Amino acid sequence: MILLAFDTCFDGCSVCVAEQQGDRLRVLSSAMERFETGHAARLVPMIGEAVQQAGIDFNAIGHIAVTTGPGTFTGTRIGIAAARAIALATGARTTGISSLAVMAEVARREIDARTLAVVVDARRGEVYAQLFDAEHGAEGASPPQLLSVADAAELGGSHPVVFVGSAAEQIAATATATATATATEHGRDARAALPDLLPDAVALAHVAVGVAPSDAPLLPFYLRPPDARPQEGKMIARV
């Protein structure tokens, strides 16, 4: 079965086309570009280029994996909308995966850490955060959360942890500077790595292999309500 995976949740866009045989995966083509805006204009051309490079037809796609958040509201919606459209056109089944789980998969390939916490700057003094370890795999040792810097620094308790992602340096510094009842007198054994970490479609494809595709509609996963709200008090009510 041909698997198409793509991500648009944060400051980049990535696409992967792979051949899936049970729990094995052979990457046929992949691409990744970093940018803050322009996901809507670039995603579909990137998918077309990856499919062409892989030497397959769109109708051969049987499984589509996409990150469903957390992430930027616009980026997340763009990815999900594209996945829905391609699934409708090809009859492929879909799988939605947390962006933080994909970032953890990327990090595991880059660093040696028994326990790591993905922490992404969500602005307003908050971070998207999730703890991962060898025991829980892609499901995570904690749920995805929107946390303050201080609360994120407590992830993993007193155990050694590597923080990865755009907020890693700030969170690691807070963790090591804050004495807790279970920490040593020198603070926590916490360090920062991979501050430029983003989800990558190749890692997404590998995570998706372990998740059964579904016919259920893809839905965005938000940890914060959108800033834009319907106008009230107008002649025509909005719902």
C-alpha atoms as a PDB file:
ATOM      1  CA  MET A   1       0.000   0.000   0.000  1.00  0.00           C
ATOM      2  CA  ILE A   2       1.179   3.511  -0.798  1.00  0.00           C
ATOM      3  CA  LEU A   3       1.274   5.917   2.152  1.00  0.00           C
ATOM      4  CA  LEU A   4       1.222   9.691   1.674  1.00  0.00           C
ATOM      5  CA  ALA A   5       2.233  11.698   4.761  1.00  0.00           C
ATOM      6  CA  PHE A   6       2.469  15.448   5.203  1.00  0.00           C
ATOM      7  CA  ASP A   7       2.716  18.115   7.900  1.00  0.00           C
ATOM      8  CA  THR A   8       1.928  21.840   8.000  1.00  0.00           C
ATOM      9  CA  CYS A   9       1.480  22.443  11.748  1.00  0.00           C
ATOM     10  CA  PHE A  10       4.362  24.823  12.473  1.00  0.00           C
ATOM     11  CA  ASP A  11       6.994  26.824  10.564  1.00  0.00           C
ATOM     12  CA  GLY A  12       7.486  24.393   7.733  1.00  0.00           C
ATOM     13  CA  CYS A  13       5.939  21.984   5.285  1.00  0.00           C
ATOM     14  CA  SER A  14       7.027  18.409   4.657  1.00  0.00           C
ATOM     15  CA  VAL A  15       5.790  15.559   2.463  1.00  0.00           C
ATOM     16  CA  CYS A  16       6.662  11.877   2.226  1.00  0.00           C
ATOM     17  CA  VAL A  17       5.528   9.119  -0.118  1.00  0.00           C
ATOM     18  CA  ALA A  18       6.304   5.595   1.057  1.00  0.00           C
ATOM     19  CA  GLU A  19       5.418   1.992   0.388  1.00  0.00           C
ATOM     20  CA  GLN A  20       3.880   0.355   3.439  1.00  0.00           C
ATOM     21  CA  GLN A  21       4.055  -3.414   3.859  1.00  0.00           C
ATOM     22  CA  GLY A  22       2.649  -4.384   7.237  1.00  0.00           C
ATOM     23  CA  ASP A  23       4.828  -2.692   9.840  1.00  0.00           C
ATOM     24  CA  ARG A  24       7.631  -2.058   7.355  1.00  0.00           C
ATOM     25  CA  LEU A  25       8.091   1.145   5.395  1.00  0.00           C
ATOM     26  CA  ARG A  26      10.146   2.003   2.316  1.00  0.00           C
ATOM     27  CA  VAL A  27      10.442   5.727   1.645  1.00  0.00           C
ATOM     28  CA  LEU A  28      10.028   6.494  -2.060  1.00  0.00           C
ATOM     29  CA  SER A  29      10.365  10.294  -1.923  1.00  0.00           C
ATOM     30  CA  SER A  30      10.352  13.100   0.626  1.00  0.00           C
ATOM     31  CA  ALA A  31      10.772  16.865   0.876  1.00  0.00           C
ATOM     32  CA  MET A  32      10.826  19.479   3.615  1.00  0.00           C
ATOM     33  CA  GLU A  33      10.834  23.273   3.462  1.00  0.00           C
ATOM     34  CA  ARG A  34      10.935  25.780   6.314  1.00  0.00           C
ATOM     35  CA  PHE A  35       8.803  28.930   6.242  1.00  0.00           C
ATOM     36  CA  GLU A  36       6.402  30.751   8.571  1.00  0.00           C
ATOM     37  CA  THR A  37       3.669  31.467   6.021  1.00  0.00           C
ATOM     38  CA  GLY A  38       2.693  30.142   2.611  1.00  0.00           C
ATOM     39  CA  HIS A  39       1.617  26.615   3.561  1.00  0.00           C
ATOM     40  CA  ALA A  40      -1.549  26.829   1.467  1.00  0.00           C
ATOM     41  CA  ALA A  41       0.377  27.851  -1.641  1.00  0.00           C
ATOM     42  CA  ARG A  42       3.171  25.312  -1.265  1.00  0.00           C
ATOM     43  CA  LEU A  43       1.628  22.125   0.132  1.00  0.00           C
ATOM     44  CA  VAL A  44      -0.243  20.853  -2.934  1.00  0.00           C
ATOM     45  CA  PRO A  45       2.680  21.497  -5.336  1.00  0.00           C
ATOM     46  CA  MET A  46       4.996  19.691  -2.896  1.00  0.00           C
ATOM     47  CA  ILE A  47       2.644  16.722  -2.784  1.00  0.00           C
ATOM     48  CA  GLY A  48       2.505  16.633  -6.584  1.00  0.00           C
ATOM     49  CA  GLU A  49       6.295  16.787  -6.822  1.00  0.00           C
ATOM     50  CA  ALA A  50       6.729  14.000  -4.253  1.00  0.00           C
ATOM     51  CA  VAL A  51       4.198  11.754  -5.986  1.00  0.00           C
ATOM     52  CA  GLN A  52       5.897  12.318  -9.343  1.00  0.00           C
ATOM     53  CA  GLN A  53       9.336  11.658  -7.885  1.00  0.00           C
ATOM     54  CA  ALA A  54       8.064   8.440  -6.306  1.00  0.00           C
ATOM     55  CA  GLY A  55       6.862   7.282  -9.715  1.00  0.00           C
ATOM     56  CA  ILE A  56       3.360   6.439  -8.589  1.00  0.00           C
ATOM     57  CA  ASP A  57      -0.154   7.518  -9.548  1.00  0.00           C
ATOM     58  CA  PHE A  58      -2.392   9.394  -7.120  1.00  0.00           C
ATOM     59  CA  ASN A  59      -4.945   6.598  -7.356  1.00  0.00           C
ATOM     60  CA  ALA A  60      -2.355   4.221  -5.901  1.00  0.00           C
ATOM     61  CA  ILE A  61      -2.451   6.061  -2.560  1.00  0.00           C
ATOM     62  CA  GLY A  62      -4.267   3.916  -0.009  1.00  0.00           C
ATOM     63  CA  HIS A  63      -3.296   5.571   3.269  1.00  0.00           C
ATOM     64  CA  ILE A  64      -2.906   9.268   4.119  1.00  0.00           C
ATOM     65  CA  ALA A  65      -1.278  10.422   7.365  1.00  0.00           C
ATOM     66  CA  VAL A  66      -1.392  14.036   8.491  1.00  0.00           C
ATOM     67  CA  THR A  67      -0.509  15.925  11.651  1.00  0.00           C
ATOM     68  CA  THR A  68      -3.659  17.246  13.305  1.00  0.00           C
ATOM     69  CA  GLY A  69      -2.071  19.567  15.889  1.00  0.00           C
ATOM     70  CA  PRO A  70      -1.268  21.151  18.144  1.00  0.00           C
ATOM     71  CA  GLY A  71       0.141  23.875  15.938  1.00  0.00           C
ATOM     72  CA  THR A  72      -0.838  27.107  14.263  1.00  0.00           C
ATOM     73  CA  PHE A  73      -4.556  27.315  13.542  1.00  0.00           C
ATOM     74  CA  THR A  74      -4.099  28.100   9.852  1.00  0.00           C
ATOM     75  CA  GLY A  75      -1.355  25.558   9.243  1.00  0.00           C
ATOM     76  CA  THR A  76      -3.220  22.767  10.985  1.00  0.00           C
ATOM     77  CA  ARG A  77      -6.417  23.430   9.033  1.00  0.00           C
ATOM     78  CA  ILE A  78      -4.539  23.510   5.724  1.00  0.00           C
ATOM     79  CA  GLY A  79      -3.055  20.065   6.287  1.00  0.00           C
ATOM     80  CA  ILE A  80      -6.334  18.511   7.371  1.00  0.00           C
ATOM     81  CA  ALA A  81      -8.252  20.068   4.483  1.00  0.00           C
ATOM     82  CA  ALA A  82      -5.721  18.710   1.993  1.00  0.00           C
ATOM     83  CA  ALA A  83      -5.864  15.237   3.534  1.00  0.00           C
ATOM     84  CA  ARG A  84      -9.667  15.228   3.374  1.00  0.00           C
ATOM     85  CA  ALA A  85      -9.666  16.346  -0.260  1.00  0.00           C
ATOM     86  CA  ILE A  86      -7.104  13.775  -1.420  1.00  0.00           C
ATOM     87  CA  ALA A  87      -8.853  11.013   0.524  1.00  0.00           C
ATOM     88  CA  LEU A  88     -12.135  11.933  -1.155  1.00  0.00           C
ATOM     89  CA  ALA A  89     -10.525  11.901  -4.592  1.00  0.00           C
ATOM     90  CA  THR A  90      -8.556   8.665  -4.161  1.00  0.00           C
ATOM     91  CA  GLY A  91     -10.651   6.661  -1.712  1.00  0.00           C
ATOM     92  CA  ALA A  92      -7.662   6.439   0.634  1.00  0.00           C
ATOM     93  CA  ARG A  93      -8.182   6.006   4.361  1.00  0.00           C
ATOM     94  CA  THR A  94      -6.674   8.504   6.768  1.00  0.00           C
ATOM     95  CA  THR A  95      -4.743   8.683  10.018  1.00  0.00           C
ATOM     96  CA  GLY A  96      -4.333  11.769  12.196  1.00  0.00           C
ATOM     97  CA  ILE A  97      -1.192  11.962  14.336  1.00  0.00           C
ATOM     98  CA  SER A  98      -0.159  14.467  17.007  1.00  0.00           C
ATOM     99  CA  SER A  99       2.519  16.883  15.824  1.00  0.00           C
ATOM    100  CA  LEU A 100       4.309  16.453  19.169  1.00  0.00           C
ATOM    101  CA  ALA A 101       4.500  12.669  18.706  1.00  0.00           C
ATOM    102  CA  VAL A 102       6.076  13.193  15.288  1.00  0.00           C
ATOM    103  CA  MET A 103       8.596  15.636  16.732  1.00  0.00           C
ATOM    104  CA  ALA A 104       9.477  13.082  19.410  1.00  0.00           C
ATOM    105  CA  GLU A 105      10.108  10.503  16.669  1.00  0.00           C
ATOM    106  CA  VAL A 106      12.424  12.955  14.886  1.00  0.00           C
ATOM    107  CA  ALA A 107      14.254  13.674  18.156  1.00  0.00           C
ATOM    108  CA  ARG A 108      14.782   9.986  18.910  1.00  0.00           C
ATOM    109  CA  ARG A 109      16.677   9.656  15.638  1.00  0.00           C
ATOM    110  CA  GLU A 110      18.918  12.616  16.518  1.00  0.00           C
ATOM    111  CA  ILE A 111      19.720  12.220  20.208  1.00  0.00           C
ATOM    112  CA  ASP A 112      20.152   9.470  22.799  1.00  0.00           C
ATOM    113  CA  ALA A 113      17.659  10.113  25.582  1.00  0.00           C
ATOM    114  CA  ARG A 114      15.629   7.681  27.652  1.00  0.00           C
ATOM    115  CA  THR A 115      13.108  10.397  28.469  1.00  0.00           C
ATOM    116  CA  LEU A 116      12.447  13.518  26.410  1.00  0.00           C
ATOM    117  CA  ALA A 117       9.898  16.289  26.494  1.00  0.00           C
ATOM    118  CA  VAL A 118       8.792  18.095  23.359  1.00  0.00           C
ATOM    119  CA  VAL A 119       8.199  21.746  24.254  1.00  0.00           C
ATOM    120  CA  VAL A 120       7.103  24.229  21.583  1.00  0.00           C
ATOM    121  CA  ASP A 121       6.699  27.954  22.123  1.00  0.00           C
ATOM    122  CA  ALA A 122       2.956  28.719  22.040  1.00  0.00           C
ATOM    123  CA  ARG A 123       3.490  32.434  22.897  1.00  0.00           C
ATOM    124  CA  ARG A 124       1.835  34.263  25.812  1.00  0.00           C
ATOM    125  CA  GLY A 125       4.285  32.608  28.204  1.00  0.00           C
ATOM    126  CA  GLU A 126       2.943  29.130  27.408  1.00  0.00           C
ATOM    127  CA  VAL A 127       4.227  26.047  25.600  1.00  0.00           C
ATOM    128  CA  TYR A 128       2.772  23.010  23.881  1.00  0.00           C
ATOM    129  CA  ALA A 129       4.322  20.139  25.786  1.00  0.00           C
ATOM    130  CA  GLN A 130       4.339  16.348  25.974  1.00  0.00           C
ATOM    131  CA  LEU A 131       6.587  13.845  27.735  1.00  0.00           C
ATOM    132  CA  PHE A 132       7.850  10.723  25.937  1.00  0.00           C
ATOM    133  CA  ASP A 133       9.776   7.667  27.094  1.00  0.00           C
ATOM    134  CA  ALA A 134      10.686   4.219  25.825  1.00  0.00           C
ATOM    135  CA  GLU A 135       7.823   2.521  27.667  1.00  0.00           C
ATOM    136  CA  HIS A 136       4.945   4.524  26.168  1.00  0.00           C
ATOM    137  CA  GLY A 137       6.278   5.080  22.638  1.00  0.00           C
ATOM    138  CA  ALA A 138       4.424   7.482  20.343  1.00  0.00           C
ATOM    139  CA  GLU A 139       1.444   7.666  22.713  1.00  0.00           C
ATOM    140  CA  GLY A 140       3.569   9.607  25.178  1.00  0.00           C
ATOM    141  CA  ALA A 141       4.084   9.331  28.918  1.00  0.00           C
ATOM    142  CA  SER A 142       1.797  12.359  29.336  1.00  0.00           C
ATOM    143  CA  PRO A 143      -0.983  13.825  27.197  1.00  0.00           C
ATOM    144  CA  PRO A 144      -0.308  16.828  24.955  1.00  0.00           C
ATOM    145  CA  GLN A 145      -0.802  19.918  27.116  1.00  0.00           C
ATOM    146  CA  LEU A 146      -0.698  23.705  27.046  1.00  0.00           C
ATOM    147  CA  LEU A 147       1.482  24.627  30.027  1.00  0.00           C
ATOM    148  CA  SER A 148       3.169  27.591  31.616  1.00  0.00           C
ATOM    149  CA  VAL A 149       6.965  27.648  31.510  1.00  0.00           C
ATOM    150  CA  ALA A 150       7.123  26.714  35.198  1.00  0.00           C
ATOM    151  CA  ASP A 151       4.755  23.757  34.809  1.00  0.00           C
ATOM    152  CA  ALA A 152       6.533  22.505  31.696  1.00  0.00           C
ATOM    153  CA  ALA A 153       9.809  22.544  33.635  1.00  0.00           C
ATOM    154  CA  GLU A 154       8.282  19.989  36.021  1.00  0.00           C
ATOM    155  CA  LEU A 155       7.673  17.388  33.292  1.00  0.00           C
ATOM    156  CA  GLY A 156       9.386  14.150  34.182  1.00  0.00           C
ATOM    157  CA  GLY A 157       9.520  14.930  37.880  1.00  0.00           C
ATOM    158  CA  SER A 158      13.039  14.576  39.260  1.00  0.00           C
ATOM    159  CA  HIS A 159      14.208  12.151  36.566  1.00  0.00           C
ATOM    160  CA  PRO A 160      16.759  13.124  33.897  1.00  0.00           C
ATOM    161  CA  VAL A 161      15.061  14.596  30.848  1.00  0.00           C
ATOM    162  CA  VAL A 162      16.045  16.185  27.550  1.00  0.00           C
ATOM    163  CA  PHE A 163      13.827  19.052  26.408  1.00  0.00           C
ATOM    164  CA  VAL A 164      13.531  19.460  22.636  1.00  0.00           C
ATOM    165  CA  GLY A 165      11.787  22.050  20.498  1.00  0.00           C
ATOM    166  CA  SER A 166      11.633  25.806  20.181  1.00  0.00           C
ATOM    167  CA  ALA A 167      11.096  26.334  23.948  1.00  0.00           C
ATOM    168  CA  ALA A 168      13.711  23.772  25.020  1.00  0.00           C
ATOM    169  CA  GLU A 169      16.418  26.166  26.170  1.00  0.00           C
ATOM    170  CA  GLN A 170      14.045  28.252  28.283  1.00  0.00           C
ATOM    171  CA  ILE A 171      12.371  25.225  29.858  1.00  0.00           C
ATOM    172  CA  ALA A 172      15.649  23.415  30.583  1.00  0.00           C
ATOM    173  CA  ALA A 173      17.106  26.533  32.205  1.00  0.00           C
ATOM    174  CA  THR A 174      14.009  26.890  34.378  1.00  0.00           C
ATOM    175  CA  ALA A 175      14.111  23.207  35.314  1.00  0.00           C
ATOM    176  CA  THR A 176      17.748  23.271  36.400  1.00  0.00           C
ATOM    177  CA  ALA A 177      17.362  26.536  38.316  1.00  0.00           C
ATOM    178  CA  THR A 178      14.307  25.465  40.280  1.00  0.00           C
ATOM    179  CA  ALA A 179      14.868  23.304  43.353  1.00  0.00           C
ATOM    180  CA  THR A 180      12.118  20.823  44.084  1.00  0.00           C
ATOM    181  CA  ALA A 181      11.534  18.484  46.967  1.00  0.00           C
ATOM    182  CA  THR A 182      12.771  15.514  44.936  1.00  0.00           C
ATOM    183  CA  ALA A 183      15.624  17.205  43.074  1.00  0.00           C
ATOM    184  CA  THR A 184      19.259  17.176  44.091  1.00  0.00           C
ATOM    185  CA  GLU A 185      20.866  20.209  45.639  1.00  0.00           C
ATOM    186  CA  HIS A 186      22.271  21.034  42.202  1.00  0.00           C
ATOM    187  CA  GLY A 187      18.835  21.157  40.612  1.00  0.00           C
ATOM    188  CA  ARG A 188      17.417  18.869  37.961  1.00  0.00           C
ATOM    189  CA  ASP A 189      19.352  16.825  35.432  1.00  0.00           C
ATOM    190  CA  ALA A 190      17.762  18.562  32.449  1.00  0.00           C
ATOM    191  CA  ARG A 191      19.255  19.725  29.187  1.00  0.00           C
ATOM    192  CA  ALA A 192      18.090  21.307  25.963  1.00  0.00           C
ATOM    193  CA  ALA A 193      18.550  20.004  22.429  1.00  0.00           C
ATOM    194  CA  LEU A 194      17.216  20.520  18.910  1.00  0.00           C
ATOM    195  CA  PRO A 195      15.768  24.047  19.303  1.00  0.00           C
ATOM    196  CA  ASP A 196      14.930  24.113  15.573  1.00  0.00           C
ATOM    197  CA  LEU A 197      12.981  20.843  15.744  1.00  0.00           C
ATOM    198  CA  LEU A 198       9.919  20.559  13.483  1.00  0.00           C
ATOM    199  CA  PRO A 199       7.633  17.662  12.579  1.00  0.00           C
ATOM    200  CA  ASP A 200       8.931  15.774   9.550  1.00  0.00           C
ATOM    201  CA  ALA A 201       6.773  13.761   7.163  1.00  0.00           C
ATOM    202  CA  VAL A 202       9.211  10.838   7.071  1.00  0.00           C
ATOM    203  CA  ALA A 203       8.929  10.488  10.854  1.00  0.00           C
ATOM    204  CA  LEU A 204       5.161  10.945  10.526  1.00  0.00           C
ATOM    205  CA  ALA A 205       5.025   8.061   8.063  1.00  0.00           C
ATOM    206  CA  HIS A 206       6.931   5.802  10.464  1.00  0.00           C
ATOM    207  CA  VAL A 207       4.592   6.675  13.342  1.00  0.00           C
ATOM    208  CA  ALA A 208       1.520   6.170  11.138  1.00  0.00           C
ATOM    209  CA  VAL A 209       2.589   2.616  10.264  1.00  0.00           C
ATOM    210  CA  GLY A 210       1.736   1.636  13.842  1.00  0.00           C
ATOM    211  CA  VAL A 211      -1.718   3.245  13.713  1.00  0.00           C
ATOM    212  CA  ALA A 212      -4.600   1.671  11.826  1.00  0.00           C
ATOM    213  CA  PRO A 213      -6.152   4.021   9.228  1.00  0.00           C
ATOM    214  CA  SER A 214      -9.732   5.059   9.842  1.00  0.00           C
ATOM    215  CA  ASP A 215     -12.807   6.166   7.925  1.00  0.00           C
ATOM    216  CA  ALA A 216     -13.641   8.668  10.678  1.00  0.00           C
ATOM    217  CA  PRO A 217     -13.408  12.358   9.697  1.00  0.00           C
ATOM    218  CA  LEU A 218     -10.105  14.046  10.485  1.00  0.00           C
ATOM    219  CA  LEU A 219     -10.453  16.733  13.140  1.00  0.00           C
ATOM    220  CA  PRO A 220      -7.959  19.387  14.262  1.00  0.00           C
ATOM    221  CA  PHE A 221      -6.521  19.016  17.756  1.00  0.00           C
ATOM    222  CA  TYR A 222      -6.362  22.413  19.444  1.00  0.00           C
ATOM    223  CA  LEU A 223      -5.040  23.096  22.945  1.00  0.00           C
ATOM    224  CA  ARG A 224      -6.127  26.733  22.853  1.00  0.00           C
ATOM    225  CA  PRO A 225      -9.334  28.304  21.484  1.00  0.00           C
ATOM    226  CA  PRO A 226      -8.911  30.403  18.330  1.00  0.00           C
ATOM    227  CA  ASP A 227      -8.333  34.147  18.663  1.00  0.00           C
ATOM    228  CA  ALA A 228     -10.794  34.907  15.864  1.00  0.00           C
ATOM    229  CA  ARG A 229     -14.379  34.752  17.042  1.00  0.00           C
ATOM    230  CA  PRO A 230     -17.685  35.216  15.165  1.00  0.00           C
ATOM    231  CA  GLN A 231     -19.066  38.754  15.352  1.00  0.00           C
ATOM    232  CA  GLU A 232     -22.073  39.199  17.582  1.00  0.00           C
ATOM    233  CA  GLY A 233     -24.985  41.608  17.345  1.00  0.00           C
ATOM    234  CA  LYS A 234     -25.113  41.594  13.526  1.00  0.00           C
ATOM    235  CA  MET A 235     -28.163  41.379  11.354  1.00  0.00           C
ATOM    236  CA  ILE A 236     -27.433  37.780  10.399  1.00  0.00           C
ATOM    237  CA  ALA A 237     -26.409  35.520  13.243  1.00  0.00           C
ATOM    238  CA  ARG A 238     -23.268  33.445  12.712  1.00  0.00           C
ATOM    239  CA  VAL A 239     -22.907  29.930  14.018  1.00  0.00           C
END
